[in-house]
Protein backbone atom coordinates (compact mmCIF):
# COMPACT_ATOMS: atom_id res chain seq x y z
CA MET A 1 -62.94 -5.40 19.00
CA SER A 2 -65.49 -8.17 18.98
CA ASP A 3 -68.06 -8.92 16.31
CA GLU A 4 -70.71 -8.59 19.03
CA HIS A 5 -69.67 -4.98 19.53
CA HIS A 6 -69.82 -4.32 15.80
CA HIS A 7 -73.37 -5.61 15.61
CA LEU A 8 -74.62 -3.10 18.19
CA SER A 9 -76.53 -0.20 16.72
CA HIS A 10 -75.23 3.32 17.21
CA GLY A 11 -77.36 6.41 17.46
CA ALA A 12 -81.02 6.49 16.63
CA THR A 13 -82.93 4.09 14.41
CA ALA A 14 -85.05 4.79 11.37
CA ASP A 15 -88.12 4.47 13.61
CA THR A 16 -87.06 7.03 16.21
CA GLY A 17 -85.14 9.49 14.04
CA PRO A 18 -81.81 11.13 14.83
CA ARG A 19 -80.83 12.06 18.36
CA LEU A 20 -79.64 15.40 17.02
CA ALA A 21 -81.50 16.51 13.91
CA PRO A 22 -79.94 18.49 11.06
CA LEU A 23 -80.75 22.17 11.43
CA PRO A 24 -83.49 23.07 8.90
CA GLU A 25 -82.57 25.82 6.46
CA ASP A 26 -85.43 28.03 7.62
CA HIS A 27 -83.78 28.03 11.07
CA TRP A 28 -80.41 29.30 9.83
CA ASP A 29 -79.47 32.70 11.12
CA PRO A 30 -77.02 34.92 9.18
CA SER A 31 -74.03 33.53 11.09
CA THR A 32 -75.06 29.94 10.31
CA ARG A 33 -75.52 30.80 6.64
CA GLU A 34 -72.03 32.27 6.57
CA LEU A 35 -70.54 29.15 8.11
CA LEU A 36 -72.32 26.85 5.67
CA ALA A 37 -71.80 28.99 2.56
CA PRO A 38 -68.51 27.32 1.41
CA ILE A 39 -70.02 23.82 1.39
CA PRO A 40 -71.19 22.46 -1.98
CA ARG A 41 -74.83 21.46 -2.12
CA ASP A 42 -76.02 18.05 -3.25
CA ALA A 43 -77.91 17.53 -6.49
CA ASP A 44 -81.20 18.15 -4.68
CA GLY A 45 -80.01 21.58 -3.57
CA ARG A 46 -79.56 20.63 0.08
CA LEU A 47 -76.43 20.52 2.18
CA PRO A 48 -75.19 17.20 3.60
CA ASN A 49 -76.68 16.38 6.99
CA VAL A 50 -73.28 16.01 8.63
CA PHE A 51 -72.69 19.75 8.23
CA THR A 52 -76.18 20.97 9.06
CA THR A 53 -76.01 18.91 12.26
CA LEU A 54 -72.48 19.85 13.29
CA VAL A 55 -73.23 23.55 12.71
CA ARG A 56 -75.36 23.41 15.87
CA HIS A 57 -71.97 23.95 17.54
CA PRO A 58 -70.85 27.02 15.54
CA GLY A 59 -67.58 27.61 17.36
CA LEU A 60 -66.38 24.06 16.82
CA PHE A 61 -67.67 24.01 13.24
CA ARG A 62 -65.69 27.14 12.38
CA HIS A 63 -62.42 25.39 13.28
CA PHE A 64 -63.38 21.90 12.14
CA LEU A 65 -64.23 22.80 8.55
CA PRO A 66 -60.80 24.08 7.41
CA PHE A 67 -59.03 21.00 8.81
CA GLY A 68 -61.45 18.52 7.30
CA THR A 69 -61.52 20.36 3.99
CA HIS A 70 -57.73 20.41 3.81
CA LEU A 71 -57.51 16.64 4.30
CA LEU A 72 -60.25 15.99 1.76
CA ARG A 73 -59.36 18.54 -0.92
CA ALA A 74 -55.75 19.64 -0.47
CA GLY A 75 -53.97 16.76 1.23
CA ARG A 76 -50.71 15.17 0.13
CA LEU A 77 -52.12 11.67 -0.37
CA PRO A 78 -53.42 10.56 -3.78
CA ASP A 79 -57.22 10.67 -3.95
CA ARG A 80 -57.45 6.90 -4.32
CA SER A 81 -55.30 6.27 -1.23
CA ARG A 82 -57.33 8.76 0.80
CA GLU A 83 -60.63 7.17 -0.10
CA LEU A 84 -59.44 3.62 0.59
CA LEU A 85 -58.36 4.75 4.07
CA ILE A 86 -61.69 6.50 4.66
CA LEU A 87 -63.81 3.57 3.44
CA ARG A 88 -61.93 1.10 5.61
CA THR A 89 -62.32 3.45 8.58
CA ALA A 90 -66.05 3.78 7.89
CA ARG A 91 -66.34 0.00 7.81
CA ASN A 92 -64.30 -0.39 11.01
CA THR A 93 -66.38 2.17 12.91
CA ARG A 94 -69.71 0.96 11.45
CA ALA A 95 -70.33 4.48 10.15
CA ALA A 96 -73.01 3.98 7.49
CA TYR A 97 -73.24 7.72 6.81
CA GLU A 98 -69.50 7.99 6.23
CA TRP A 99 -69.53 4.94 3.97
CA GLY A 100 -72.52 6.16 1.95
CA ARG A 101 -71.06 9.59 1.33
CA HIS A 102 -67.57 8.35 0.42
CA VAL A 103 -68.36 5.49 -1.96
CA PRO A 104 -69.12 7.99 -4.77
CA LEU A 105 -65.89 9.86 -3.97
CA ALA A 106 -63.97 6.59 -4.09
CA ARG A 107 -65.44 5.79 -7.50
CA ALA A 108 -64.44 9.24 -8.73
CA ALA A 109 -60.90 8.58 -7.46
CA GLY A 110 -60.64 5.38 -9.50
CA VAL A 111 -61.60 2.73 -6.93
CA THR A 112 -63.51 0.02 -8.80
CA GLU A 113 -66.83 -1.52 -7.75
CA GLU A 114 -65.06 -4.79 -6.99
CA GLU A 115 -62.51 -2.98 -4.83
CA ILE A 116 -65.24 -1.09 -2.97
CA ARG A 117 -66.87 -4.42 -2.09
CA ARG A 118 -63.49 -5.86 -1.16
CA VAL A 119 -62.79 -3.07 1.34
CA GLY A 120 -65.14 -4.88 3.71
CA ALA A 121 -62.95 -7.99 3.53
CA GLY A 122 -59.83 -6.11 4.54
CA PRO A 123 -56.14 -6.17 3.64
CA GLY A 124 -55.93 -9.96 3.61
CA ALA A 125 -58.40 -10.37 0.76
CA GLN A 126 -57.06 -11.57 -2.57
CA GLY A 127 -56.76 -8.99 -5.32
CA TRP A 128 -55.20 -6.03 -3.53
CA THR A 129 -51.90 -4.65 -4.73
CA PRO A 130 -49.24 -4.62 -1.99
CA ALA A 131 -49.58 -0.82 -1.77
CA ASP A 132 -53.36 -0.97 -1.30
CA ALA A 133 -53.08 -3.76 1.27
CA ARG A 134 -50.61 -1.66 3.26
CA LEU A 135 -53.06 1.23 3.40
CA LEU A 136 -55.93 -0.97 4.59
CA ARG A 137 -53.66 -2.61 7.15
CA ALA A 138 -52.67 0.84 8.40
CA ALA A 139 -56.34 1.78 8.84
CA ASP A 140 -56.94 -1.45 10.76
CA GLU A 141 -53.94 -1.02 13.05
CA LEU A 142 -54.83 2.57 13.86
CA HIS A 143 -58.39 1.49 14.62
CA ARG A 144 -57.36 -1.46 16.76
CA ASP A 145 -54.12 -0.31 18.37
CA ALA A 146 -54.18 3.50 18.12
CA GLY A 147 -50.84 3.31 16.34
CA LEU A 148 -48.93 1.73 13.48
CA SER A 149 -46.67 -1.25 13.99
CA ALA A 150 -42.99 -0.87 13.14
CA ALA A 151 -43.43 -3.19 10.17
CA THR A 152 -46.36 -1.23 8.73
CA TRP A 153 -44.67 2.13 9.27
CA SER A 154 -41.53 0.87 7.53
CA ALA A 155 -43.54 -0.55 4.63
CA LEU A 156 -45.47 2.69 4.18
CA ALA A 157 -42.28 4.74 4.39
CA ALA A 158 -40.98 2.94 1.31
CA ASP A 159 -43.48 4.75 -0.93
CA HIS A 160 -44.70 7.72 1.16
CA ASP A 161 -42.81 10.82 2.25
CA GLU A 162 -42.86 12.17 5.80
CA ALA A 163 -45.81 14.48 5.20
CA GLN A 164 -47.82 11.63 3.73
CA LEU A 165 -47.04 9.37 6.68
CA ILE A 166 -48.29 12.07 9.03
CA GLU A 167 -51.37 12.52 6.89
CA ILE A 168 -52.24 8.80 6.90
CA THR A 169 -52.47 8.80 10.68
CA MET A 170 -54.29 12.14 10.87
CA LEU A 171 -56.76 11.22 8.13
CA VAL A 172 -57.76 7.97 9.81
CA GLY A 173 -58.01 9.80 13.13
CA GLN A 174 -60.18 12.53 11.58
CA TYR A 175 -62.64 10.04 10.15
CA HIS A 176 -62.79 8.14 13.43
CA MET A 177 -63.73 11.40 15.12
CA VAL A 178 -66.39 12.14 12.51
CA ALA A 179 -67.73 8.58 12.78
CA PHE A 180 -68.05 8.93 16.56
CA PHE A 181 -70.13 12.07 16.04
CA LEU A 182 -72.28 10.62 13.24
CA ASN A 183 -72.94 7.35 15.04
CA SER A 184 -73.75 9.03 18.33
CA ALA A 185 -75.99 11.73 16.84
CA GLY A 186 -77.74 9.22 14.58
CA THR A 187 -77.16 11.46 11.56
CA PRO A 188 -79.40 10.22 8.72
CA LEU A 189 -77.88 9.39 5.36
CA GLU A 190 -79.46 11.34 2.55
CA PRO A 191 -81.77 9.26 0.30
CA GLY A 192 -79.60 9.81 -2.75
CA PHE A 193 -76.73 7.99 -1.04
CA ALA A 194 -78.68 5.30 0.81
CA THR A 195 -78.07 2.63 -1.83
CA GLU A 196 -74.44 2.40 -0.71
CA VAL A 197 -74.69 -0.36 1.88
CA LEU A 198 -72.10 -0.61 4.64
CA PRO A 199 -70.38 -4.03 4.61
CA ALA A 200 -71.31 -6.25 7.54
CA PRO A 201 -68.63 -7.15 10.13
CA ALA A 202 -66.01 -9.62 9.02
CA GLY A 203 -66.07 -13.24 10.10
CA ALA A 204 -63.71 -14.68 12.66
CA ASP A 205 -60.90 -14.97 10.13
CA GLY A 206 -61.09 -11.24 9.36
CA ASN A 207 -60.97 -11.89 5.63
CA THR A 208 -64.64 -12.17 4.67
CA ALA A 209 -67.44 -9.65 4.67
CA GLU A 210 -71.19 -9.80 4.34
CA ARG A 211 -73.52 -7.23 2.92
CA GLY A 212 -75.65 -5.70 5.62
CA HIS A 213 -77.59 -2.66 6.69
CA GLY A 214 -75.79 0.12 8.47
CA HIS A 215 -77.22 2.72 10.77
CA GLY A 216 -77.41 6.46 10.50
């Protein structure tokens, strides 16, 4: 995928607002409240915009939430591995909302500030452990090729069981799907998370990143 493609804006801009607005709480009917009830509220007492937007499709939301929650809260991957895969996917898909919401989760999982910045530079950047570099490379291959190379699969299989290998591919796929929705709907990132800036596209060598403004 070209850098020119990465620079294109997705969804709506800050000037025009989202294409599909989060559903205000005073518009929730009893069924909507039931669907949203399991979701933890942010510190300001509000629910994340991704959920209050997606709930506009109640039937899909009802089936989406258990799958996404399982991957995020009950998956077989270590929390740190999961968040590295999600952050790299957010960077690859230019999903500023996804990046902003998951940087705090990555910190909580033990990813350092330096490592969070380095995610933008990719698996070839100096400083990654071999295990971390393999995860980032897996995210990149799935994004670029819709599959893992034989070499990457074999390397991952050395320290992941079968269920974890399945989960790596499904997790990256899940967060691609969510990024497609967020970017297309123009879902706005909540102010409390807006300081987490999505890394700019890498240079031609794929090993450098710039700080830049995301969309969403």
